[in-house]
N, C-alpha and C. Protein backbone atom coordinates (compact mmCIF):
# COMPACT_ATOMS: atom_id res chain seq x y z
N UNK A 1 147.52 71.63 108.11
CA UNK A 1 147.64 70.55 107.77
C UNK A 1 147.61 69.26 108.70
N UNK A 2 147.41 69.29 109.76
CA UNK A 2 147.40 68.13 110.56
C UNK A 2 146.16 67.68 110.46
N UNK A 3 145.08 68.20 110.47
CA UNK A 3 143.87 68.35 110.16
C UNK A 3 143.65 67.32 108.86
N UNK A 4 144.04 67.30 108.31
CA UNK A 4 143.70 66.33 106.88
C UNK A 4 144.90 65.10 106.75
N UNK A 5 145.25 65.02 108.01
CA UNK A 5 146.63 63.89 107.80
C UNK A 5 146.25 62.64 107.31
N UNK A 6 144.51 62.20 107.87
CA UNK A 6 143.90 61.01 107.55
C UNK A 6 142.74 61.02 106.64
N UNK A 7 142.59 62.11 106.21
CA UNK A 7 141.60 62.52 104.94
C UNK A 7 141.01 61.45 103.83
N UNK A 8 142.09 61.14 103.46
CA UNK A 8 141.89 59.88 102.14
C UNK A 8 141.28 58.85 103.00
N UNK A 9 141.67 57.95 104.04
CA UNK A 9 141.28 56.96 104.80
C UNK A 9 139.83 57.49 105.16
N UNK A 10 139.47 58.54 105.92
CA UNK A 10 138.56 59.26 105.99
C UNK A 10 137.87 58.94 105.06
N UNK A 11 137.62 59.31 103.76
CA UNK A 11 137.06 59.21 102.69
C UNK A 11 136.76 57.55 102.40
N UNK A 12 137.63 57.14 101.95
CA UNK A 12 137.57 55.43 101.94
C UNK A 12 136.62 55.27 102.89
N UNK A 13 136.66 55.32 104.24
CA UNK A 13 135.69 54.90 105.17
C UNK A 13 134.35 55.44 104.88
N UNK A 14 133.93 57.00 104.90
CA UNK A 14 132.88 57.05 104.10
C UNK A 14 132.33 56.41 103.42
N UNK A 15 133.07 56.31 102.39
CA UNK A 15 132.71 55.71 101.00
C UNK A 15 132.03 54.22 101.41
N UNK A 16 132.52 53.40 101.70
CA UNK A 16 132.23 52.24 102.61
C UNK A 16 130.93 52.48 103.22
N UNK A 17 131.16 53.34 104.34
CA UNK A 17 129.52 53.27 104.99
C UNK A 17 128.24 53.65 104.09
N UNK A 18 128.54 54.48 103.03
CA UNK A 18 127.45 54.75 102.19
C UNK A 18 127.06 53.97 101.50
N UNK A 19 127.93 52.82 100.70
CA UNK A 19 127.81 51.85 99.93
C UNK A 19 126.60 50.91 101.15
N UNK A 20 127.23 50.51 102.19
CA UNK A 20 126.54 49.56 102.97
C UNK A 20 125.05 50.19 103.07
N UNK A 21 124.94 51.63 103.28
CA UNK A 21 123.52 51.88 103.41
C UNK A 21 122.87 52.34 102.54
N UNK A 22 123.30 52.32 101.26
CA UNK A 22 122.37 52.19 100.06
C UNK A 22 122.08 50.49 99.75
N UNK A 23 123.08 49.83 99.98
CA UNK A 23 122.32 48.41 99.79
C UNK A 23 121.94 47.61 100.79
N UNK A 24 121.62 47.96 102.21
CA UNK A 24 120.67 47.68 103.17
C UNK A 24 119.58 48.66 103.71
N UNK A 25 119.75 49.80 103.63
CA UNK A 25 118.96 50.83 104.11
C UNK A 25 118.92 50.77 105.57
N UNK A 26 117.98 51.62 106.12
CA UNK A 26 118.08 51.39 107.48
C UNK A 26 116.89 50.31 108.43
N UNK A 27 117.31 49.95 109.41
CA UNK A 27 115.63 48.92 109.97
C UNK A 27 116.69 47.97 110.48
N UNK A 28 117.75 47.58 110.01
CA UNK A 28 118.50 46.33 110.46
C UNK A 28 118.84 46.40 112.17
N UNK A 29 119.71 45.11 112.48
CA UNK A 29 119.79 45.19 113.60
C UNK A 29 121.76 45.58 113.25
N UNK A 30 122.03 46.19 114.33
CA UNK A 30 123.82 46.78 114.76
C UNK A 30 124.72 45.49 113.90
N UNK A 31 124.19 44.36 114.71
CA UNK A 31 125.49 43.32 114.43
C UNK A 31 125.43 42.81 112.82
N UNK A 32 124.22 43.22 112.24
CA UNK A 32 124.20 43.40 110.56
C UNK A 32 125.11 43.99 109.84
N UNK A 33 124.93 45.28 110.36
CA UNK A 33 125.82 46.28 109.73
C UNK A 33 127.14 45.71 110.14
N UNK A 34 127.74 45.47 111.41
CA UNK A 34 128.68 45.24 111.81
C UNK A 34 129.76 44.23 111.07
N UNK A 35 128.49 43.09 110.41
CA UNK A 35 129.06 41.93 109.79
C UNK A 35 129.61 42.39 108.53
N UNK A 36 128.64 43.06 108.07
CA UNK A 36 128.44 43.71 106.07
C UNK A 36 130.14 44.66 106.42
N UNK A 37 130.28 45.52 106.79
CA UNK A 37 131.39 46.41 107.50
C UNK A 37 132.48 45.89 107.16
N UNK A 38 132.32 44.67 108.11
CA UNK A 38 133.71 43.73 108.13
C UNK A 38 133.82 43.15 106.86
N UNK A 39 132.46 42.60 105.69
CA UNK A 39 133.20 42.49 104.74
C UNK A 39 133.59 43.11 103.86
N UNK A 40 133.24 44.39 103.77
CA UNK A 40 133.54 45.58 103.00
C UNK A 40 135.07 46.02 103.29
N UNK A 41 135.13 45.98 104.50
CA UNK A 41 136.75 46.47 104.83
C UNK A 41 137.48 45.25 104.00
N UNK A 42 136.95 44.07 104.36
CA UNK A 42 138.25 42.73 103.63
C UNK A 42 138.08 42.96 102.47
N UNK A 43 136.62 43.01 101.55
CA UNK A 43 136.92 43.29 100.24
C UNK A 43 137.50 44.63 99.67
N UNK A 44 137.66 45.40 100.21
CA UNK A 44 138.27 46.50 99.91
C UNK A 44 139.90 46.90 99.96
N UNK A 45 140.19 45.70 100.96
CA UNK A 45 141.90 45.68 101.04
C UNK A 45 141.90 46.76 102.28
N UNK A 46 141.02 47.06 103.59
CA UNK A 46 141.60 48.09 104.22
C UNK A 46 141.65 47.32 105.57
N UNK A 47 142.99 47.55 105.87
CA UNK A 47 143.18 46.90 107.17
C UNK A 47 142.67 47.70 108.63
N UNK A 48 141.91 46.48 109.21
CA UNK A 48 141.20 46.73 109.98
C UNK A 48 141.77 45.85 111.29
N UNK A 49 140.83 45.83 112.53
CA UNK A 49 140.90 44.80 113.49
C UNK A 49 139.38 45.24 114.47
N UNK A 50 138.55 44.49 115.08
CA UNK A 50 137.50 44.65 115.84
C UNK A 50 137.44 44.59 117.11
N UNK A 51 137.47 45.93 118.17
CA UNK A 51 137.75 46.03 119.28
C UNK A 51 136.82 45.72 120.14
N UNK A 52 136.54 45.20 121.35
CA UNK A 52 135.28 44.88 121.86
C UNK A 52 136.06 45.34 123.43
N UNK A 53 134.90 46.20 124.06
CA UNK A 53 135.29 46.99 125.78
C UNK A 53 134.01 46.42 125.84
N UNK A 54 133.57 45.67 126.99
CA UNK A 54 132.68 45.28 127.66
C UNK A 54 132.84 46.22 129.03
N UNK A 55 131.09 46.76 129.16
CA UNK A 55 131.38 48.11 130.31
C UNK A 55 130.53 47.05 131.19
N UNK A 56 131.07 47.21 132.23
CA UNK A 56 130.49 45.78 133.46
C UNK A 56 129.54 46.78 134.25
N UNK A 57 129.97 47.67 134.39
CA UNK A 57 128.18 48.68 134.94
C UNK A 57 127.00 48.34 134.22
N UNK A 58 127.00 48.30 133.12
CA UNK A 58 125.76 48.41 131.98
C UNK A 58 125.53 47.09 131.52
N UNK A 59 126.85 46.05 131.86
CA UNK A 59 126.94 44.93 130.61
C UNK A 59 126.62 44.95 129.43
N UNK A 60 127.32 45.76 128.80
CA UNK A 60 126.90 46.21 127.43
C UNK A 60 128.21 46.17 126.97
N UNK A 61 128.22 45.70 125.44
CA UNK A 61 129.51 45.47 124.74
C UNK A 61 129.77 45.93 123.60
N UNK A 62 130.48 47.10 124.01
CA UNK A 62 130.73 48.20 123.01
C UNK A 62 131.78 48.04 122.14
N UNK A 63 131.39 47.29 120.64
CA UNK A 63 132.54 47.02 119.96
C UNK A 63 132.63 47.73 118.89
N UNK A 64 134.05 48.23 118.34
CA UNK A 64 134.52 49.23 117.55
C UNK A 64 135.10 48.27 116.29
N UNK A 65 135.41 49.31 115.36
CA UNK A 65 136.30 48.68 114.33
C UNK A 65 137.79 49.86 114.34
N UNK A 66 138.70 49.60 114.51
CA UNK A 66 139.82 50.21 114.35
C UNK A 66 140.71 50.15 112.69
N UNK A 67 140.48 50.96 111.76
CA UNK A 67 141.13 51.16 110.54
C UNK A 67 142.24 51.95 110.40
N UNK A 68 143.00 51.01 109.28
CA UNK A 68 144.50 51.84 108.83
C UNK A 68 145.29 52.21 110.23
N UNK A 69 145.21 51.57 111.36
CA UNK A 69 145.97 51.28 112.82
C UNK A 69 145.18 52.73 113.73
N UNK A 70 144.41 53.67 112.79
CA UNK A 70 144.18 54.86 114.19
C UNK A 70 142.72 55.74 114.05
N UNK A 71 142.38 54.87 113.17
CA UNK A 71 140.36 55.42 112.98
C UNK A 71 139.52 54.53 113.64
N UNK A 72 139.14 55.10 114.61
CA UNK A 72 137.92 54.10 115.20
C UNK A 72 136.84 54.52 114.55
N UNK A 73 136.35 53.29 114.33
CA UNK A 73 134.56 53.55 113.50
C UNK A 73 133.72 52.64 114.45
N UNK A 74 132.84 53.13 115.17
CA UNK A 74 131.89 53.03 115.39
C UNK A 74 130.51 52.81 114.70
N UNK A 75 129.74 52.02 114.75
CA UNK A 75 128.14 51.81 114.00
C UNK A 75 126.99 51.67 115.32
N UNK A 76 126.17 52.31 114.58
CA UNK A 76 124.81 52.70 115.52
C UNK A 76 123.56 52.60 114.25
N UNK A 77 122.21 51.99 115.71
CA UNK A 77 121.27 52.18 114.52
C UNK A 77 120.33 52.44 115.63
N UNK A 78 120.40 53.95 116.04
CA UNK A 78 119.52 54.66 116.74
C UNK A 78 118.70 55.55 115.70
N UNK A 79 117.29 56.11 116.45
CA UNK A 79 116.17 56.49 115.05
C UNK A 79 117.30 58.60 115.40
N UNK A 80 118.40 58.76 116.19
CA UNK A 80 118.88 59.91 116.22
C UNK A 80 120.17 59.44 117.08
N UNK A 81 121.47 60.44 116.74
CA UNK A 81 122.55 60.50 117.76
C UNK A 81 122.36 61.27 118.49
N UNK A 82 122.46 60.62 119.99
CA UNK A 82 122.35 61.64 121.03
C UNK A 82 123.60 62.54 121.30
N UNK A 83 123.89 63.84 121.99
CA UNK A 83 124.99 64.06 122.33
C UNK A 83 125.66 63.23 123.74
N UNK A 84 125.11 61.87 124.21
CA UNK A 84 125.62 61.30 125.24
C UNK A 84 126.18 60.09 124.32
N UNK A 85 125.31 59.69 123.38
CA UNK A 85 126.01 58.40 122.17
C UNK A 85 127.79 59.17 121.48
N UNK A 86 127.25 60.30 121.20
CA UNK A 86 128.74 61.16 120.77
C UNK A 86 129.12 61.21 121.76
N UNK A 87 129.58 61.37 122.83
CA UNK A 87 130.39 61.84 123.94
C UNK A 87 131.01 59.99 124.42
N UNK A 88 130.20 59.35 124.52
CA UNK A 88 130.24 58.05 124.59
C UNK A 88 131.77 57.38 123.71
N UNK A 89 131.42 57.65 122.55
CA UNK A 89 132.28 57.42 120.87
C UNK A 89 133.56 58.40 121.48
N UNK A 90 133.78 59.38 121.60
CA UNK A 90 134.59 60.41 122.01
C UNK A 90 135.51 59.43 122.74
N UNK A 91 135.11 59.35 123.97
CA UNK A 91 135.96 58.17 125.33
C UNK A 91 136.41 57.31 124.74
N UNK A 92 135.65 56.79 123.74
CA UNK A 92 136.84 55.28 123.50
C UNK A 92 137.55 55.78 122.07
N UNK A 93 137.80 57.09 121.85
CA UNK A 93 139.27 56.97 120.80
C UNK A 93 139.79 57.27 122.16
N UNK A 94 140.12 57.56 123.21
CA UNK A 94 140.87 57.58 123.76
C UNK A 94 141.77 56.27 124.44
N UNK A 95 140.84 55.45 124.67
CA UNK A 95 141.05 53.86 125.03
C UNK A 95 142.18 53.21 123.52
N UNK A 96 141.94 53.44 122.74
CA UNK A 96 142.59 53.12 121.22
C UNK A 96 143.92 53.92 121.37
N UNK A 97 143.43 55.41 122.03
CA UNK A 97 144.96 56.53 121.64
C UNK A 97 144.84 56.61 119.71
N UNK A 98 143.45 56.86 120.10
CA UNK A 98 143.18 57.47 117.85
C UNK A 98 143.02 59.06 117.90
N UNK A 99 143.92 59.40 117.11
CA UNK A 99 143.57 60.91 117.01
C UNK A 99 141.96 61.41 116.10
N UNK A 100 141.53 60.12 115.39
CA UNK A 100 140.08 60.31 114.50
C UNK A 100 139.58 59.17 114.48
N UNK A 101 138.26 59.50 114.77
CA UNK A 101 137.33 58.26 114.52
C UNK A 101 135.96 59.02 113.54
N UNK A 102 135.51 58.02 113.40
CA UNK A 102 133.96 58.04 112.47
C UNK A 102 133.20 57.34 113.43
N UNK A 103 131.19 58.19 113.65
CA UNK A 103 130.57 57.07 113.72
C UNK A 103 129.46 57.50 113.07
N UNK A 104 128.94 55.87 112.21
CA UNK A 104 127.86 55.69 111.47
C UNK A 104 126.62 55.28 112.34
N UNK A 105 125.30 56.04 111.81
CA UNK A 105 123.98 55.72 112.51
C UNK A 105 123.32 55.22 111.31
N UNK A 106 122.99 53.85 111.20
CA UNK A 106 122.24 53.45 110.24
C UNK A 106 120.70 53.35 110.85
N UNK A 107 120.64 54.36 111.69
CA UNK A 107 119.07 53.67 112.23
C UNK A 107 118.45 54.66 111.30
N UNK A 108 118.85 56.05 110.87
CA UNK A 108 118.06 57.41 110.54
C UNK A 108 117.73 57.00 108.90
N UNK A 109 116.51 57.70 108.43
CA UNK A 109 116.12 57.43 107.38
C UNK A 109 117.12 57.96 106.42
N UNK A 110 118.53 58.80 106.73
CA UNK A 110 119.51 58.97 105.96
C UNK A 110 120.83 57.92 106.62
N UNK A 111 122.01 58.25 106.09
CA UNK A 111 123.01 57.52 107.02
C UNK A 111 123.56 59.13 107.34
N UNK A 112 124.03 58.97 108.70
CA UNK A 112 124.21 60.03 109.64
C UNK A 112 125.70 59.46 110.01
N UNK A 113 126.76 60.34 109.98
CA UNK A 113 128.37 59.75 110.38
C UNK A 113 128.73 61.50 110.84
N UNK A 114 129.47 61.18 111.60
CA UNK A 114 130.23 62.11 112.68
C UNK A 114 131.63 61.74 112.41
N UNK A 115 132.92 62.74 112.32
CA UNK A 115 134.05 62.81 112.12
C UNK A 115 134.54 63.27 113.26
N UNK A 116 134.91 62.66 113.76
CA UNK A 116 135.55 63.22 115.25
C UNK A 116 137.46 63.11 115.43
N UNK A 117 137.82 64.31 115.58
CA UNK A 117 139.04 64.75 115.19
C UNK A 117 139.71 65.38 114.17
N UNK A 118 140.26 66.36 114.38
CA UNK A 118 140.35 67.51 113.36
C UNK A 118 139.35 68.40 113.27
N UNK A 119 138.37 68.24 112.36
CA UNK A 119 137.08 68.79 112.56
C UNK A 119 136.13 68.24 112.36
N UNK A 120 135.39 68.39 113.16
CA UNK A 120 133.79 67.28 113.39
C UNK A 120 132.86 67.74 112.09
N UNK A 121 132.17 66.55 112.02
CA UNK A 121 131.04 66.89 110.88
C UNK A 121 129.90 66.06 111.24
N UNK A 122 129.02 66.88 111.01
CA UNK A 122 127.47 65.75 111.22
C UNK A 122 126.89 65.73 109.47
N UNK A 123 126.48 64.49 108.80
CA UNK A 123 125.96 64.79 107.88
C UNK A 123 125.00 63.86 108.13
């Protein structure tokens, strides 16, 4: 039962990701996808906040969405998702004490996403 606790919410977020990918395709800059994600979440009345974490070592800004108060949503634009990127995203779930996360990759020829928490899915 616990694996399906957030399944309805996760499905709504996957629907948003698919919609964005159908509208924009791949090849845009990451900030474009983040802005469109924010607009779509607002239009669909999905509660969210944007959380930024600045890594002082690499001086990178790792910004994530927290939707429904517990689901972390990350966006990426790489040609493929590496194990290192997945591990970094999994670590970010600990930062906000989140049981579930979705990592979307808009950089591949098809939308890829990984659900972390409960069962892991790569599509």
